[in-house]
Full PDB file with SEQRES, HELIX, SHEET, SSBOND, CRYST1, ORIGX, SCALE, CONECT and MASTER records, all heavy atoms in Angstrom:
SEQRES   1 A   40  GLY GLU PRO GLU PRO ARG VAL VAL ASP LEU GLY CYS GLY          
SEQRES   2 A   40  LEU GLY ALA SER LEU MET TYR LEU ALA LEU ARG ALA PRO          
SEQRES   3 A   40  ILE ARG GLY GLU GLY LEU THR ILE SER PRO ARG GLN ALA          
SEQRES   4 A   40  GLU                                                          
HELIX    1 AA1 ALA A   16  ALA A   22  1                                   7    
HELIX    2 AA2 PRO A   36  ALA A   39  1                                   4    
SHEET    1 AA1 2 ARG A   6  LEU A  10  0                                        
SHEET    2 AA1 2 ARG A  28  LEU A  32  1                                        
CRYST1    1.000    1.000    1.000  90.00  90.00  90.00 P 1           1          
ORIGX1      1.000000  0.000000  0.000000        0.00000                         
ORIGX2      0.000000  1.000000  0.000000        0.00000                         
ORIGX3      0.000000  0.000000  1.000000        0.00000                         
SCALE1      1.000000  0.000000  0.000000        0.00000                         
SCALE2      0.000000  1.000000  0.000000        0.00000                         
SCALE3      0.000000  0.000000  1.000000        0.00000                         
ATOM      1  N   GLY A   1     -55.657  33.002  32.686  1.00  0.00           N  
ATOM      2  CA  GLY A   1     -55.875  33.436  34.050  1.00  0.00           C  
ATOM      3  C   GLY A   1     -55.363  34.936  34.365  1.00  0.00           C  
ATOM      4  O   GLY A   1     -55.558  35.403  35.501  1.00  0.00           O  
ATOM      5  N   GLU A   2     -54.756  35.527  33.327  1.00  0.00           N  
ATOM      6  CA  GLU A   2     -54.273  36.978  33.489  1.00  0.00           C  
ATOM      7  C   GLU A   2     -55.478  37.854  33.177  1.00  0.00           C  
ATOM      8  O   GLU A   2     -55.866  37.795  32.016  1.00  0.00           O  
ATOM      9  CB  GLU A   2     -53.103  37.262  32.688  1.00  0.00           C  
ATOM     10  CG  GLU A   2     -52.550  38.592  32.630  1.00  0.00           C  
ATOM     11  CD  GLU A   2     -52.075  38.939  34.112  1.00  0.00           C  
ATOM     12  OE1 GLU A   2     -51.299  38.180  34.704  1.00  0.00           O  
ATOM     13  OE2 GLU A   2     -52.412  40.064  34.552  1.00  0.00           O  
ATOM     14  N   PRO A   3     -55.944  38.715  34.128  1.00  0.00           N  
ATOM     15  CA  PRO A   3     -57.100  39.410  33.778  1.00  0.00           C  
ATOM     16  C   PRO A   3     -56.838  40.548  32.799  1.00  0.00           C  
ATOM     17  O   PRO A   3     -57.864  40.859  31.944  1.00  0.00           O  
ATOM     18  CB  PRO A   3     -57.531  40.062  35.230  1.00  0.00           C  
ATOM     19  CG  PRO A   3     -56.262  40.009  36.056  1.00  0.00           C  
ATOM     20  CD  PRO A   3     -55.539  38.814  35.514  1.00  0.00           C  
ATOM     21  N   GLU A   4     -55.716  41.116  32.789  1.00  0.00           N  
ATOM     22  CA  GLU A   4     -55.410  42.163  31.721  1.00  0.00           C  
ATOM     23  C   GLU A   4     -53.994  41.879  31.171  1.00  0.00           C  
ATOM     24  O   GLU A   4     -53.050  42.528  31.585  1.00  0.00           O  
ATOM     25  CB  GLU A   4     -55.514  43.544  32.404  1.00  0.00           C  
ATOM     26  CG  GLU A   4     -56.864  44.105  32.667  1.00  0.00           C  
ATOM     27  CD  GLU A   4     -56.837  45.496  33.109  1.00  0.00           C  
ATOM     28  OE1 GLU A   4     -55.751  46.009  33.567  1.00  0.00           O  
ATOM     29  OE2 GLU A   4     -57.859  46.209  32.896  1.00  0.00           O  
ATOM     30  N   PRO A   5     -53.904  40.989  30.235  1.00  0.00           N  
ATOM     31  CA  PRO A   5     -52.624  40.683  29.691  1.00  0.00           C  
ATOM     32  C   PRO A   5     -52.004  41.934  28.989  1.00  0.00           C  
ATOM     33  O   PRO A   5     -52.702  42.677  28.331  1.00  0.00           O  
ATOM     34  CB  PRO A   5     -52.943  39.609  28.574  1.00  0.00           C  
ATOM     35  CG  PRO A   5     -54.235  38.997  28.972  1.00  0.00           C  
ATOM     36  CD  PRO A   5     -54.994  40.163  29.619  1.00  0.00           C  
ATOM     37  N   ARG A   6     -50.727  42.056  29.135  1.00  0.00           N  
ATOM     38  CA  ARG A   6     -49.994  43.200  28.615  1.00  0.00           C  
ATOM     39  C   ARG A   6     -49.299  42.754  27.290  1.00  0.00           C  
ATOM     40  O   ARG A   6     -48.551  41.779  27.263  1.00  0.00           O  
ATOM     41  CB  ARG A   6     -48.958  43.713  29.601  1.00  0.00           C  
ATOM     42  CG  ARG A   6     -49.520  44.220  30.883  1.00  0.00           C  
ATOM     43  CD  ARG A   6     -50.205  45.529  30.781  1.00  0.00           C  
ATOM     44  NE  ARG A   6     -50.896  45.911  32.008  1.00  0.00           N  
ATOM     45  CZ  ARG A   6     -51.110  47.238  32.329  1.00  0.00           C  
ATOM     46  NH1 ARG A   6     -50.734  48.200  31.630  1.00  0.00           N  
ATOM     47  NH2 ARG A   6     -51.821  47.475  33.482  1.00  0.00           N  
ATOM     48  N   VAL A   7     -49.591  43.448  26.260  1.00  0.00           N  
ATOM     49  CA  VAL A   7     -49.085  43.053  24.871  1.00  0.00           C  
ATOM     50  C   VAL A   7     -48.403  44.255  24.259  1.00  0.00           C  
ATOM     51  O   VAL A   7     -48.909  45.383  24.304  1.00  0.00           O  
ATOM     52  CB  VAL A   7     -50.267  42.590  24.042  1.00  0.00           C  
ATOM     53  CG1 VAL A   7     -49.812  42.174  22.617  1.00  0.00           C  
ATOM     54  CG2 VAL A   7     -51.004  41.476  24.656  1.00  0.00           C  
ATOM     55  N   VAL A   8     -47.256  43.939  23.666  1.00  0.00           N  
ATOM     56  CA  VAL A   8     -46.549  45.013  22.926  1.00  0.00           C  
ATOM     57  C   VAL A   8     -46.206  44.573  21.444  1.00  0.00           C  
ATOM     58  O   VAL A   8     -45.709  43.437  21.289  1.00  0.00           O  
ATOM     59  CB  VAL A   8     -45.200  45.391  23.660  1.00  0.00           C  
ATOM     60  CG1 VAL A   8     -44.251  46.318  22.765  1.00  0.00           C  
ATOM     61  CG2 VAL A   8     -45.474  45.956  25.089  1.00  0.00           C  
ATOM     62  N   ASP A   9     -46.536  45.374  20.562  1.00  0.00           N  
ATOM     63  CA  ASP A   9     -46.314  45.168  19.048  1.00  0.00           C  
ATOM     64  C   ASP A   9     -45.121  46.059  18.682  1.00  0.00           C  
ATOM     65  O   ASP A   9     -45.265  47.246  18.593  1.00  0.00           O  
ATOM     66  CB  ASP A   9     -47.554  45.525  18.327  1.00  0.00           C  
ATOM     67  CG  ASP A   9     -47.453  45.259  16.837  1.00  0.00           C  
ATOM     68  OD1 ASP A   9     -46.423  44.902  16.373  1.00  0.00           O  
ATOM     69  OD2 ASP A   9     -48.517  45.358  16.117  1.00  0.00           O  
ATOM     70  N   LEU A  10     -44.095  45.340  18.289  1.00  0.00           N  
ATOM     71  CA  LEU A  10     -42.856  46.046  17.830  1.00  0.00           C  
ATOM     72  C   LEU A  10     -42.825  46.144  16.395  1.00  0.00           C  
ATOM     73  O   LEU A  10     -42.632  45.148  15.732  1.00  0.00           O  
ATOM     74  CB  LEU A  10     -41.554  45.333  18.340  1.00  0.00           C  
ATOM     75  CG  LEU A  10     -41.388  45.221  19.861  1.00  0.00           C  
ATOM     76  CD1 LEU A  10     -40.124  44.442  20.252  1.00  0.00           C  
ATOM     77  CD2 LEU A  10     -41.414  46.625  20.577  1.00  0.00           C  
ATOM     78  N   GLY A  11     -43.262  47.278  15.833  1.00  0.00           N  
ATOM     79  CA  GLY A  11     -43.436  47.456  14.450  1.00  0.00           C  
ATOM     80  C   GLY A  11     -44.933  47.366  14.097  1.00  0.00           C  
ATOM     81  O   GLY A  11     -45.377  46.508  13.332  1.00  0.00           O  
ATOM     82  N   CYS A  12     -45.757  48.183  14.772  1.00  0.00           N  
ATOM     83  CA  CYS A  12     -47.214  47.999  14.824  1.00  0.00           C  
ATOM     84  C   CYS A  12     -47.967  48.525  13.542  1.00  0.00           C  
ATOM     85  O   CYS A  12     -49.193  48.244  13.445  1.00  0.00           O  
ATOM     86  CB  CYS A  12     -47.809  48.602  16.083  1.00  0.00           C  
ATOM     87  SG  CYS A  12     -47.644  50.499  16.095  1.00  0.00           S  
ATOM     88  N   GLY A  13     -47.283  49.180  12.713  1.00  0.00           N  
ATOM     89  CA  GLY A  13     -48.091  49.678  11.486  1.00  0.00           C  
ATOM     90  C   GLY A  13     -49.152  50.589  11.941  1.00  0.00           C  
ATOM     91  O   GLY A  13     -49.022  51.503  12.762  1.00  0.00           O  
ATOM     92  N   LEU A  14     -50.306  50.326  11.402  1.00  0.00           N  
ATOM     93  CA  LEU A  14     -51.538  51.145  11.763  1.00  0.00           C  
ATOM     94  C   LEU A  14     -52.315  50.586  12.923  1.00  0.00           C  
ATOM     95  O   LEU A  14     -53.417  50.952  13.241  1.00  0.00           O  
ATOM     96  CB  LEU A  14     -52.521  51.109  10.493  1.00  0.00           C  
ATOM     97  CG  LEU A  14     -51.964  51.917   9.264  1.00  0.00           C  
ATOM     98  CD1 LEU A  14     -52.840  51.682   8.093  1.00  0.00           C  
ATOM     99  CD2 LEU A  14     -51.892  53.421   9.625  1.00  0.00           C  
ATOM    100  N   GLY A  15     -51.674  49.573  13.640  1.00  0.00           N  
ATOM    101  CA  GLY A  15     -52.354  49.156  14.837  1.00  0.00           C  
ATOM    102  C   GLY A  15     -53.404  48.099  14.671  1.00  0.00           C  
ATOM    103  O   GLY A  15     -54.150  47.787  15.626  1.00  0.00           O  
ATOM    104  N   ALA A  16     -53.531  47.573  13.448  1.00  0.00           N  
ATOM    105  CA  ALA A  16     -54.614  46.667  13.226  1.00  0.00           C  
ATOM    106  C   ALA A  16     -54.640  45.392  14.067  1.00  0.00           C  
ATOM    107  O   ALA A  16     -55.688  44.928  14.479  1.00  0.00           O  
ATOM    108  CB  ALA A  16     -54.688  46.249  11.699  1.00  0.00           C  
ATOM    109  N   SER A  17     -53.460  44.817  14.237  1.00  0.00           N  
ATOM    110  CA  SER A  17     -53.378  43.627  15.107  1.00  0.00           C  
ATOM    111  C   SER A  17     -53.686  43.882  16.570  1.00  0.00           C  
ATOM    112  O   SER A  17     -54.420  43.049  17.187  1.00  0.00           O  
ATOM    113  CB  SER A  17     -51.989  43.011  14.917  1.00  0.00           C  
ATOM    114  OG  SER A  17     -51.822  42.384  13.647  1.00  0.00           O  
ATOM    115  N   LEU A  18     -53.218  44.990  17.049  1.00  0.00           N  
ATOM    116  CA  LEU A  18     -53.578  45.342  18.468  1.00  0.00           C  
ATOM    117  C   LEU A  18     -55.138  45.532  18.586  1.00  0.00           C  
ATOM    118  O   LEU A  18     -55.688  45.184  19.581  1.00  0.00           O  
ATOM    119  CB  LEU A  18     -52.858  46.626  18.873  1.00  0.00           C  
ATOM    120  CG  LEU A  18     -51.379  46.326  19.200  1.00  0.00           C  
ATOM    121  CD1 LEU A  18     -50.664  47.657  19.468  1.00  0.00           C  
ATOM    122  CD2 LEU A  18     -51.190  45.483  20.467  1.00  0.00           C  
ATOM    123  N   MET A  19     -55.711  46.201  17.613  1.00  0.00           N  
ATOM    124  CA  MET A  19     -57.210  46.404  17.600  1.00  0.00           C  
ATOM    125  C   MET A  19     -57.855  45.096  17.640  1.00  0.00           C  
ATOM    126  O   MET A  19     -58.812  44.832  18.307  1.00  0.00           O  
ATOM    127  CB  MET A  19     -57.595  47.288  16.379  1.00  0.00           C  
ATOM    128  CG  MET A  19     -57.302  48.707  16.642  1.00  0.00           C  
ATOM    129  SD  MET A  19     -58.173  49.780  15.365  1.00  0.00           S  
ATOM    130  CE  MET A  19     -57.366  49.270  13.868  1.00  0.00           C  
ATOM    131  N   TYR A  20     -57.412  44.232  16.737  1.00  0.00           N  
ATOM    132  CA  TYR A  20     -58.084  42.889  16.711  1.00  0.00           C  
ATOM    133  C   TYR A  20     -58.005  42.202  18.039  1.00  0.00           C  
ATOM    134  O   TYR A  20     -59.010  41.577  18.479  1.00  0.00           O  
ATOM    135  CB  TYR A  20     -57.401  42.047  15.612  1.00  0.00           C  
ATOM    136  CG  TYR A  20     -58.058  40.702  15.328  1.00  0.00           C  
ATOM    137  CD1 TYR A  20     -59.130  40.570  14.501  1.00  0.00           C  
ATOM    138  CD2 TYR A  20     -57.594  39.519  15.990  1.00  0.00           C  
ATOM    139  CE1 TYR A  20     -59.711  39.370  14.269  1.00  0.00           C  
ATOM    140  CE2 TYR A  20     -58.255  38.362  15.802  1.00  0.00           C  
ATOM    141  CZ  TYR A  20     -59.219  38.250  14.867  1.00  0.00           C  
ATOM    142  OH  TYR A  20     -59.811  36.988  14.664  1.00  0.00           O  
ATOM    143  N   LEU A  21     -56.829  42.194  18.598  1.00  0.00           N  
ATOM    144  CA  LEU A  21     -56.695  41.562  19.953  1.00  0.00           C  
ATOM    145  C   LEU A  21     -57.560  42.145  21.017  1.00  0.00           C  
ATOM    146  O   LEU A  21     -58.205  41.517  21.801  1.00  0.00           O  
ATOM    147  CB  LEU A  21     -55.202  41.690  20.308  1.00  0.00           C  
ATOM    148  CG  LEU A  21     -54.149  40.915  19.457  1.00  0.00           C  
ATOM    149  CD1 LEU A  21     -52.810  41.077  20.005  1.00  0.00           C  
ATOM    150  CD2 LEU A  21     -54.427  39.445  19.295  1.00  0.00           C  
ATOM    151  N   ALA A  22     -57.557  43.543  20.991  1.00  0.00           N  
ATOM    152  CA  ALA A  22     -58.269  44.224  22.040  1.00  0.00           C  
ATOM    153  C   ALA A  22     -59.759  44.107  21.889  1.00  0.00           C  
ATOM    154  O   ALA A  22     -60.525  44.176  22.931  1.00  0.00           O  
ATOM    155  CB  ALA A  22     -57.850  45.708  21.974  1.00  0.00           C  
ATOM    156  N   LEU A  23     -60.282  43.799  20.788  1.00  0.00           N  
ATOM    157  CA  LEU A  23     -61.686  43.506  20.600  1.00  0.00           C  
ATOM    158  C   LEU A  23     -62.095  42.155  20.903  1.00  0.00           C  
ATOM    159  O   LEU A  23     -63.313  41.802  21.059  1.00  0.00           O  
ATOM    160  CB  LEU A  23     -62.114  43.781  19.147  1.00  0.00           C  
ATOM    161  CG  LEU A  23     -62.070  45.283  18.696  1.00  0.00           C  
ATOM    162  CD1 LEU A  23     -62.254  45.414  17.111  1.00  0.00           C  
ATOM    163  CD2 LEU A  23     -63.232  46.116  19.398  1.00  0.00           C  
ATOM    164  N   ARG A  24     -61.121  41.272  21.227  1.00  0.00           N  
ATOM    165  CA  ARG A  24     -61.409  39.889  21.604  1.00  0.00           C  
ATOM    166  C   ARG A  24     -60.921  39.446  22.967  1.00  0.00           C  
ATOM    167  O   ARG A  24     -61.159  38.394  23.430  1.00  0.00           O  
ATOM    168  CB  ARG A  24     -60.936  39.036  20.550  1.00  0.00           C  
ATOM    169  CG  ARG A  24     -61.754  39.109  19.313  1.00  0.00           C  
ATOM    170  CD  ARG A  24     -60.992  38.784  17.977  1.00  0.00           C  
ATOM    171  NE  ARG A  24     -61.830  38.916  16.844  1.00  0.00           N  
ATOM    172  CZ  ARG A  24     -62.019  40.036  16.224  1.00  0.00           C  
ATOM    173  NH1 ARG A  24     -61.427  41.162  16.636  1.00  0.00           N  
ATOM    174  NH2 ARG A  24     -62.934  40.085  15.193  1.00  0.00           N  
ATOM    175  N   ALA A  25     -60.060  40.251  23.606  1.00  0.00           N  
ATOM    176  CA  ALA A  25     -59.494  39.886  24.827  1.00  0.00           C  
ATOM    177  C   ALA A  25     -59.202  41.256  25.626  1.00  0.00           C  
ATOM    178  O   ALA A  25     -59.017  42.292  25.073  1.00  0.00           O  
ATOM    179  CB  ALA A  25     -58.193  39.156  24.719  1.00  0.00           C  
ATOM    180  N   PRO A  26     -59.209  41.145  26.984  1.00  0.00           N  
ATOM    181  CA  PRO A  26     -59.127  42.422  27.841  1.00  0.00           C  
ATOM    182  C   PRO A  26     -57.623  42.837  27.960  1.00  0.00           C  
ATOM    183  O   PRO A  26     -57.072  43.045  29.054  1.00  0.00           O  
ATOM    184  CB  PRO A  26     -59.609  41.909  29.128  1.00  0.00           C  
ATOM    185  CG  PRO A  26     -59.364  40.487  29.232  1.00  0.00           C  
ATOM    186  CD  PRO A  26     -59.515  40.032  27.822  1.00  0.00           C  
ATOM    187  N   ILE A  27     -56.982  42.921  26.829  1.00  0.00           N  
ATOM    188  CA  ILE A  27     -55.512  43.308  26.858  1.00  0.00           C  
ATOM    189  C   ILE A  27     -55.281  44.801  27.132  1.00  0.00           C  
ATOM    190  O   ILE A  27     -56.177  45.609  26.896  1.00  0.00           O  
ATOM    191  CB  ILE A  27     -54.834  42.913  25.511  1.00  0.00           C  
ATOM    192  CG1 ILE A  27     -55.370  43.879  24.346  1.00  0.00           C  
ATOM    193  CG2 ILE A  27     -54.980  41.507  25.129  1.00  0.00           C  
ATOM    194  CD1 ILE A  27     -54.436  43.907  23.178  1.00  0.00           C  
ATOM    195  N   ARG A  28     -54.148  45.043  27.597  1.00  0.00           N  
ATOM    196  CA  ARG A  28     -53.553  46.426  27.560  1.00  0.00           C  
ATOM    197  C   ARG A  28     -52.370  46.366  26.564  1.00  0.00           C  
ATOM    198  O   ARG A  28     -51.467  45.642  26.712  1.00  0.00           O  
ATOM    199  CB  ARG A  28     -52.981  46.771  28.932  1.00  0.00           C  
ATOM    200  CG  ARG A  28     -53.999  46.968  30.004  1.00  0.00           C  
ATOM    201  CD  ARG A  28     -54.719  48.241  29.854  1.00  0.00           C  
ATOM    202  NE  ARG A  28     -55.879  48.394  30.867  1.00  0.00           N  
ATOM    203  CZ  ARG A  28     -56.597  49.513  30.986  1.00  0.00           C  
ATOM    204  NH1 ARG A  28     -56.398  50.503  30.245  1.00  0.00           N  
ATOM    205  NH2 ARG A  28     -57.610  49.482  31.902  1.00  0.00           N  
ATOM    206  N   GLY A  29     -52.588  47.187  25.510  1.00  0.00           N  
ATOM    207  CA  GLY A  29     -51.571  47.066  24.400  1.00  0.00           C  
ATOM    208  C   GLY A  29     -50.853  48.365  24.145  1.00  0.00           C  
ATOM    209  O   GLY A  29     -51.328  49.499  24.358  1.00  0.00           O  
ATOM    210  N   GLU A  30     -49.627  48.139  23.676  1.00  0.00           N  
ATOM    211  CA  GLU A  30     -48.727  49.298  23.298  1.00  0.00           C  
ATOM    212  C   GLU A  30     -48.104  48.870  21.871  1.00  0.00           C  
ATOM    213  O   GLU A  30     -47.748  47.717  21.678  1.00  0.00           O  
ATOM    214  CB  GLU A  30     -47.553  49.467  24.324  1.00  0.00           C  
ATOM    215  CG  GLU A  30     -48.030  50.002  25.632  1.00  0.00           C  
ATOM    216  CD  GLU A  30     -47.999  51.542  25.683  1.00  0.00           C  
ATOM    217  OE1 GLU A  30     -47.677  52.142  24.591  1.00  0.00           O  
ATOM    218  OE2 GLU A  30     -48.469  52.103  26.690  1.00  0.00           O  
ATOM    219  N   GLY A  31     -48.065  49.850  21.006  1.00  0.00           N  
ATOM    220  CA  GLY A  31     -47.435  49.596  19.681  1.00  0.00           C  
ATOM    221  C   GLY A  31     -46.396  50.628  19.397  1.00  0.00           C  
ATOM    222  O   GLY A  31     -46.537  51.779  19.696  1.00  0.00           O  
ATOM    223  N   LEU A  32     -45.358  50.262  18.774  1.00  0.00           N  
ATOM    224  CA  LEU A  32     -44.251  51.166  18.279  1.00  0.00           C  
ATOM    225  C   LEU A  32     -44.159  50.958  16.813  1.00  0.00           C  
ATOM    226  O   LEU A  32     -44.119  49.914  16.228  1.00  0.00           O  
ATOM    227  CB  LEU A  32     -42.909  50.759  18.911  1.00  0.00           C  
ATOM    228  CG  LEU A  32     -42.659  51.102  20.381  1.00  0.00           C  
ATOM    229  CD1 LEU A  32     -41.206  50.721  20.683  1.00  0.00           C  
ATOM    230  CD2 LEU A  32     -42.887  52.599  20.625  1.00  0.00           C  
ATOM    231  N   THR A  33     -44.129  52.134  16.138  1.00  0.00           N  
ATOM    232  CA  THR A  33     -43.800  52.183  14.663  1.00  0.00           C  
ATOM    233  C   THR A  33     -42.835  53.246  14.410  1.00  0.00           C  
ATOM    234  O   THR A  33     -42.874  54.352  15.011  1.00  0.00           O  
ATOM    235  CB  THR A  33     -45.154  52.400  13.808  1.00  0.00           C  
ATOM    236  OG1 THR A  33     -44.720  52.658  12.478  1.00  0.00           O  
ATOM    237  CG2 THR A  33     -45.943  53.579  14.192  1.00  0.00           C  
ATOM    238  N   ILE A  34     -41.945  53.041  13.429  1.00  0.00           N  
ATOM    239  CA  ILE A  34     -40.934  54.060  13.123  1.00  0.00           C  
ATOM    240  C   ILE A  34     -41.541  55.160  12.317  1.00  0.00           C  
ATOM    241  O   ILE A  34     -40.843  56.252  12.153  1.00  0.00           O  
ATOM    242  CB  ILE A  34     -39.742  53.369  12.441  1.00  0.00           C  
ATOM    243  CG1 ILE A  34     -38.501  54.245  12.670  1.00  0.00           C  
ATOM    244  CG2 ILE A  34     -40.027  53.024  10.971  1.00  0.00           C  
ATOM    245  CD1 ILE A  34     -37.205  53.445  12.259  1.00  0.00           C  
ATOM    246  N   SER A  35     -42.686  54.973  11.727  1.00  0.00           N  
ATOM    247  CA  SER A  35     -43.341  55.882  10.828  1.00  0.00           C  
ATOM    248  C   SER A  35     -44.258  56.873  11.656  1.00  0.00           C  
ATOM    249  O   SER A  35     -45.336  56.443  12.115  1.00  0.00           O  
ATOM    250  CB  SER A  35     -44.097  55.217   9.766  1.00  0.00           C  
ATOM    251  OG  SER A  35     -45.007  56.093   9.102  1.00  0.00           O  
ATOM    252  N   PRO A  36     -44.018  58.150  11.634  1.00  0.00           N  
ATOM    253  CA  PRO A  36     -44.989  59.096  12.343  1.00  0.00           C  
ATOM    254  C   PRO A  36     -46.375  59.051  11.602  1.00  0.00           C  
ATOM    255  O   PRO A  36     -47.373  59.173  12.186  1.00  0.00           O  
ATOM    256  CB  PRO A  36     -44.278  60.419  12.115  1.00  0.00           C  
ATOM    257  CG  PRO A  36     -43.200  60.252  11.210  1.00  0.00           C  
ATOM    258  CD  PRO A  36     -42.828  58.830  11.188  1.00  0.00           C  
ATOM    259  N   ARG A  37     -46.317  58.820  10.342  1.00  0.00           N  
ATOM    260  CA  ARG A  37     -47.594  58.823   9.588  1.00  0.00           C  
ATOM    261  C   ARG A  37     -48.459  57.632   9.980  1.00  0.00           C  
ATOM    262  O   ARG A  37     -49.691  57.718  10.185  1.00  0.00           O  
ATOM    263  CB  ARG A  37     -47.336  58.734   8.034  1.00  0.00           C  
ATOM    264  CG  ARG A  37     -48.627  58.855   7.206  1.00  0.00           C  
ATOM    265  CD  ARG A  37     -48.329  59.078   5.704  1.00  0.00           C  
ATOM    266  NE  ARG A  37     -47.747  60.384   5.579  1.00  0.00           N  
ATOM    267  CZ  ARG A  37     -47.344  60.816   4.414  1.00  0.00           C  
ATOM    268  NH1 ARG A  37     -47.429  60.194   3.355  1.00  0.00           N  
ATOM    269  NH2 ARG A  37     -46.793  62.100   4.377  1.00  0.00           N  
ATOM    270  N   GLN A  38     -47.768  56.460  10.190  1.00  0.00           N  
ATOM    271  CA  GLN A  38     -48.490  55.374  10.698  1.00  0.00           C  
ATOM    272  C   GLN A  38     -49.046  55.528  12.165  1.00  0.00           C  
ATOM    273  O   GLN A  38     -50.102  55.191  12.540  1.00  0.00           O  
ATOM    274  CB  GLN A  38     -47.645  54.056  10.684  1.00  0.00           C  
ATOM    275  CG  GLN A  38     -47.431  53.531   9.177  1.00  0.00           C  
ATOM    276  CD  GLN A  38     -46.719  52.136   9.215  1.00  0.00           C  
ATOM    277  OE1 GLN A  38     -46.033  51.869  10.178  1.00  0.00           O  
ATOM    278  NE2 GLN A  38     -46.971  51.459   8.163  1.00  0.00           N  
ATOM    279  N   ALA A  39     -48.131  56.130  13.004  1.00  0.00           N  
ATOM    280  CA  ALA A  39     -48.569  56.442  14.356  1.00  0.00           C  
ATOM    281  C   ALA A  39     -49.824  57.291  14.403  1.00  0.00           C  
ATOM    282  O   ALA A  39     -50.694  56.990  15.242  1.00  0.00           O  
ATOM    283  CB  ALA A  39     -47.393  57.103  15.062  1.00  0.00           C  
ATOM    284  N   GLU A  40     -49.821  58.294  13.547  1.00  0.00           N  
ATOM    285  CA  GLU A  40     -50.999  59.155  13.516  1.00  0.00           C  
ATOM    286  C   GLU A  40     -52.239  58.419  13.097  1.00  0.00           C  
ATOM    287  O   GLU A  40     -53.317  58.591  13.671  1.00  0.00           O  
ATOM    288  CB  GLU A  40     -50.709  60.416  12.598  1.00  0.00           C  
ATOM    289  CG  GLU A  40     -49.639  61.339  13.045  1.00  0.00           C  
ATOM    290  CD  GLU A  40     -49.275  62.305  12.044  1.00  0.00           C  
ATOM    291  OE1 GLU A  40     -49.779  62.303  10.887  1.00  0.00           O  
ATOM    292  OE2 GLU A  40     -48.268  63.046  12.308  1.00  0.00           O  
TER     293      GLU A  40                                                      
MASTER        0    0    0    2    2    0    0    6  292    1    0    4          
END                                                                             
């Protein structure tokens, strides 16, 4: 029943999980990674 669920990935790597979720649900997602190379 939440129209735009808010999701946070702590240790998101290359963001693959957030992408998978966003392609299947109307989420708003945030990811944190300690690696600048992964963030880029």
